[in-house]
N, C-alpha and C. Protein backbone atom coordinates (compact mmCIF):
# COMPACT_ATOMS: atom_id res chain seq x y z
N MET A 1 -40.75 147.36 -65.65
CA MET A 1 -41.63 146.06 -65.63
C MET A 1 -42.35 145.92 -67.13
N SER A 2 -42.36 144.73 -67.46
CA SER A 2 -43.13 144.61 -68.69
C SER A 2 -44.67 144.80 -68.77
N ALA A 3 -45.36 144.74 -69.77
CA ALA A 3 -46.82 144.56 -69.86
C ALA A 3 -47.11 143.05 -69.32
N ASP A 4 -46.46 142.29 -69.76
CA ASP A 4 -46.87 140.90 -69.50
C ASP A 4 -46.62 140.79 -67.72
N GLU A 5 -45.72 141.45 -66.97
CA GLU A 5 -45.20 141.29 -65.86
C GLU A 5 -46.40 142.14 -64.84
N ILE A 6 -46.95 143.08 -65.54
CA ILE A 6 -47.91 143.99 -64.89
C ILE A 6 -49.22 143.11 -64.95
N LYS A 7 -49.62 142.63 -66.05
CA LYS A 7 -50.84 141.43 -66.24
C LYS A 7 -50.94 140.46 -65.26
N ASN A 8 -49.52 139.98 -64.94
CA ASN A 8 -49.55 138.71 -63.87
C ASN A 8 -49.70 139.01 -62.53
N ALA A 9 -49.15 140.24 -62.30
CA ALA A 9 -49.15 140.95 -61.08
C ALA A 9 -50.69 141.30 -60.66
N ALA A 10 -51.24 142.00 -61.86
CA ALA A 10 -52.71 142.34 -61.63
C ALA A 10 -53.60 141.28 -61.28
N LEU A 11 -53.47 139.93 -62.01
CA LEU A 11 -54.04 138.77 -61.92
C LEU A 11 -54.05 138.28 -60.56
N ALA A 12 -52.89 138.30 -60.02
CA ALA A 12 -52.67 137.85 -58.50
C ALA A 12 -53.18 138.65 -57.43
N LEU A 13 -53.84 139.87 -57.66
CA LEU A 13 -54.27 140.82 -56.66
C LEU A 13 -55.63 139.97 -56.25
N PRO A 14 -55.91 140.32 -54.94
CA PRO A 14 -57.40 139.92 -54.75
C PRO A 14 -58.61 140.60 -55.27
N VAL A 15 -59.69 140.15 -55.28
CA VAL A 15 -60.76 140.24 -56.10
C VAL A 15 -61.00 141.76 -56.16
N HIS A 16 -61.14 142.35 -54.66
CA HIS A 16 -61.57 143.74 -54.58
C HIS A 16 -60.57 144.43 -55.10
N GLU A 17 -59.39 144.19 -54.92
CA GLU A 17 -58.26 144.98 -55.47
C GLU A 17 -58.12 145.03 -57.07
N ARG A 18 -58.55 144.01 -57.61
CA ARG A 18 -58.52 143.81 -59.17
C ARG A 18 -59.92 144.76 -59.54
N ALA A 19 -60.89 144.95 -58.80
CA ALA A 19 -62.06 145.71 -59.11
C ALA A 19 -61.68 147.01 -59.05
N GLU A 20 -60.72 147.61 -57.87
CA GLU A 20 -60.31 148.83 -57.81
C GLU A 20 -59.52 149.38 -58.96
N LEU A 21 -58.64 148.09 -59.46
CA LEU A 21 -57.54 148.54 -60.45
C LEU A 21 -58.41 148.73 -61.84
N LEU A 22 -59.47 147.86 -62.05
CA LEU A 22 -60.26 148.05 -63.26
C LEU A 22 -60.98 149.41 -63.30
N ASP A 23 -61.47 149.66 -62.31
CA ASP A 23 -62.18 151.19 -62.18
C ASP A 23 -61.09 152.29 -62.45
N LEU A 24 -59.99 152.05 -62.02
CA LEU A 24 -59.07 153.09 -62.29
C LEU A 24 -58.68 153.27 -63.69
N LEU A 25 -58.25 151.95 -64.30
CA LEU A 25 -57.97 151.99 -65.35
C LEU A 25 -59.02 152.42 -66.52
N MET A 26 -60.43 151.84 -66.27
CA MET A 26 -61.45 152.38 -67.07
C MET A 26 -61.60 153.83 -67.08
N GLU A 27 -61.30 154.36 -65.87
CA GLU A 27 -61.46 155.71 -65.81
C GLU A 27 -60.62 156.62 -66.66
N SER A 28 -59.40 155.94 -66.78
CA SER A 28 -58.30 156.43 -67.63
C SER A 28 -58.43 156.49 -68.89
N LEU A 29 -59.22 155.66 -69.34
CA LEU A 29 -59.87 155.54 -70.77
C LEU A 29 -60.80 156.30 -71.30
N GLU A 30 -61.82 156.32 -70.27
CA GLU A 30 -62.97 157.05 -70.67
C GLU A 30 -63.58 157.54 -69.28
N PRO A 31 -62.88 158.75 -68.92
CA PRO A 31 -63.46 159.32 -67.76
C PRO A 31 -64.80 159.93 -67.69
N ALA A 32 -65.38 160.49 -68.61
CA ALA A 32 -66.63 160.96 -68.64
C ALA A 32 -67.53 159.88 -68.47
N ASN A 33 -67.34 158.76 -69.05
CA ASN A 33 -68.47 157.62 -69.34
C ASN A 33 -68.32 156.61 -68.23
N HIS A 34 -67.58 156.87 -67.20
CA HIS A 34 -67.37 155.81 -66.57
C HIS A 34 -67.54 156.35 -64.84
N LYS A 35 -68.22 156.94 -64.66
CA LYS A 35 -68.98 157.34 -63.14
C LYS A 35 -69.83 156.47 -62.52
N ALA A 36 -69.92 156.29 -61.47
CA ALA A 36 -70.93 155.61 -60.56
C ALA A 36 -72.19 156.50 -60.85
N PRO A 37 -73.56 155.58 -61.01
CA PRO A 37 -74.58 156.31 -60.95
C PRO A 37 -74.85 157.22 -60.21
N ALA A 38 -75.53 158.42 -60.06
CA ALA A 38 -75.64 159.24 -58.91
C ALA A 38 -76.51 158.65 -57.70
N SER A 39 -77.31 157.47 -58.13
CA SER A 39 -78.50 156.82 -57.23
C SER A 39 -77.61 155.95 -56.57
N LEU A 40 -76.21 155.62 -56.90
CA LEU A 40 -75.40 154.71 -56.25
C LEU A 40 -74.87 155.19 -54.84
N SER A 41 -75.58 155.03 -53.65
CA SER A 41 -75.28 155.63 -52.31
C SER A 41 -73.84 154.94 -51.89
N PRO A 42 -73.19 155.53 -50.98
CA PRO A 42 -72.20 155.06 -50.43
C PRO A 42 -72.56 153.66 -49.51
N ALA A 43 -73.55 153.50 -49.34
CA ALA A 43 -74.16 152.38 -48.57
C ALA A 43 -73.75 151.51 -49.17
N TRP A 44 -74.37 151.37 -50.68
CA TRP A 44 -74.33 150.29 -51.78
C TRP A 44 -72.95 149.98 -51.81
N VAL A 45 -72.10 150.93 -52.04
CA VAL A 45 -70.71 150.59 -52.67
C VAL A 45 -70.04 149.94 -51.42
N ALA A 46 -70.37 150.31 -50.07
CA ALA A 46 -69.87 149.62 -49.09
C ALA A 46 -70.24 148.22 -49.28
N GLU A 47 -71.68 147.85 -49.31
CA GLU A 47 -72.30 146.55 -49.43
C GLU A 47 -71.66 145.65 -50.93
N ILE A 48 -71.47 146.55 -51.83
CA ILE A 48 -70.70 145.78 -53.06
C ILE A 48 -69.37 145.05 -52.49
N ARG A 49 -68.66 146.06 -52.02
CA ARG A 49 -67.39 145.63 -51.48
C ARG A 49 -67.23 144.78 -50.55
N ALA A 50 -68.21 144.66 -49.58
CA ALA A 50 -68.21 143.70 -48.62
C ALA A 50 -68.70 142.15 -49.43
N ARG A 51 -69.54 141.99 -50.28
CA ARG A 51 -69.91 141.13 -50.88
C ARG A 51 -68.61 140.52 -51.64
N MET A 52 -67.88 141.33 -52.47
CA MET A 52 -66.75 140.95 -53.07
C MET A 52 -65.81 140.34 -52.21
N ILE A 53 -65.63 140.93 -51.08
CA ILE A 53 -64.46 140.26 -50.05
C ILE A 53 -65.08 138.85 -49.53
N ALA A 54 -66.54 138.82 -49.41
CA ALA A 54 -67.11 137.53 -48.84
C ALA A 54 -66.95 136.40 -49.70
N LEU A 55 -67.25 136.92 -50.75
CA LEU A 55 -66.82 135.98 -52.16
C LEU A 55 -65.50 135.44 -52.28
N GLU A 56 -64.73 136.40 -52.17
CA GLU A 56 -63.40 136.12 -52.45
C GLU A 56 -62.70 135.38 -51.34
N GLU A 57 -63.44 135.32 -49.92
CA GLU A 57 -62.93 134.49 -48.81
C GLU A 57 -63.69 133.41 -48.65
N GLY A 58 -64.49 133.05 -49.66
CA GLY A 58 -65.23 131.51 -49.57
C GLY A 58 -66.63 131.69 -48.60
N ARG A 59 -66.80 132.95 -48.18
CA ARG A 59 -67.97 132.89 -47.22
C ARG A 59 -69.32 133.22 -48.02
N LEU A 60 -69.35 133.13 -49.19
CA LEU A 60 -70.34 133.65 -50.08
C LEU A 60 -70.48 132.49 -51.25
N ALA A 61 -71.62 131.83 -51.33
CA ALA A 61 -71.69 130.99 -52.36
C ALA A 61 -72.32 131.56 -53.82
N THR A 62 -71.86 131.01 -54.99
CA THR A 62 -72.31 131.69 -56.10
C THR A 62 -73.20 130.69 -56.78
N VAL A 63 -74.21 130.83 -57.72
CA VAL A 63 -74.96 130.05 -58.59
C VAL A 63 -74.82 130.53 -59.92
N PRO A 64 -74.79 129.42 -60.79
CA PRO A 64 -74.67 129.88 -62.40
C PRO A 64 -75.72 130.70 -62.93
N ALA A 65 -75.66 131.16 -63.53
CA ALA A 65 -76.65 132.22 -64.07
C ALA A 65 -77.85 131.50 -64.69
N ALA A 66 -77.67 130.34 -65.26
CA ALA A 66 -78.82 129.75 -65.95
C ALA A 66 -79.61 129.22 -64.70
N GLU A 67 -79.01 128.65 -63.69
CA GLU A 67 -79.71 128.06 -62.50
C GLU A 67 -80.60 129.03 -61.80
N ALA A 68 -79.90 130.30 -61.61
CA ALA A 68 -80.49 131.50 -61.03
C ALA A 68 -81.78 131.90 -61.80
N ILE A 69 -81.56 131.90 -63.19
CA ILE A 69 -82.89 132.37 -63.86
C ILE A 69 -83.99 131.31 -63.89
N ALA A 70 -83.66 129.99 -63.65
CA ALA A 70 -84.59 129.03 -63.65
C ALA A 70 -85.34 128.99 -62.39
N ARG A 71 -84.43 129.48 -61.21
CA ARG A 71 -84.95 129.42 -59.97
C ARG A 71 -85.96 130.62 -60.16
N MET A 72 -85.80 131.76 -60.77
CA MET A 72 -86.88 132.95 -60.73
C MET A 72 -88.13 132.68 -61.62
N ARG A 73 -87.70 132.01 -62.72
CA ARG A 73 -88.84 131.65 -63.48
C ARG A 73 -89.85 130.75 -62.80
N GLU A 74 -89.35 129.92 -62.06
CA GLU A 74 -90.07 128.85 -61.13
C GLU A 74 -90.78 129.73 -60.02
N ARG A 75 -90.13 130.46 -59.33
CA ARG A 75 -90.92 131.53 -58.24
C ARG A 75 -91.88 132.24 -58.87
N LEU A 76 -91.69 132.78 -60.12
CA LEU A 76 -92.57 133.83 -60.78
C LEU A 76 -93.92 132.89 -61.07
N THR A 77 -93.78 131.86 -61.89
CA THR A 77 -94.69 130.86 -62.08
C THR A 77 -95.69 130.37 -61.13
N ARG A 78 -95.13 130.24 -59.99
CA ARG A 78 -95.78 129.94 -58.62
C ARG A 78 -96.64 130.92 -58.25
N HIS A 79 -96.09 131.81 -58.03
CA HIS A 79 -96.78 133.24 -57.68
C HIS A 79 -97.86 133.79 -58.73
N ALA A 80 -97.67 133.60 -59.84
CA ALA A 80 -98.66 134.04 -60.95
C ALA A 80 -99.77 133.11 -61.10
N GLY A 81 -99.84 132.05 -60.62
CA GLY A 81 -100.77 131.15 -60.93
C GLY A 81 -101.58 130.88 -59.66
């Protein structure tokens, strides 16, 4: 299988499988630097995976970063004054 075929196959994977593949590839490049933080509990890992699946299945809406930041600034302004 060529590198292009591997790339195309990887890009066709569901989001959570691409994330697992990314983790595996990153670990193969920098094993000492690519460890989950000790404070990341198994419950949080499960939550992250569940959210990724929900996003992939269209059950979770996304918001552009600029909009999310603007919303938070608005909330902070309202609560500060």
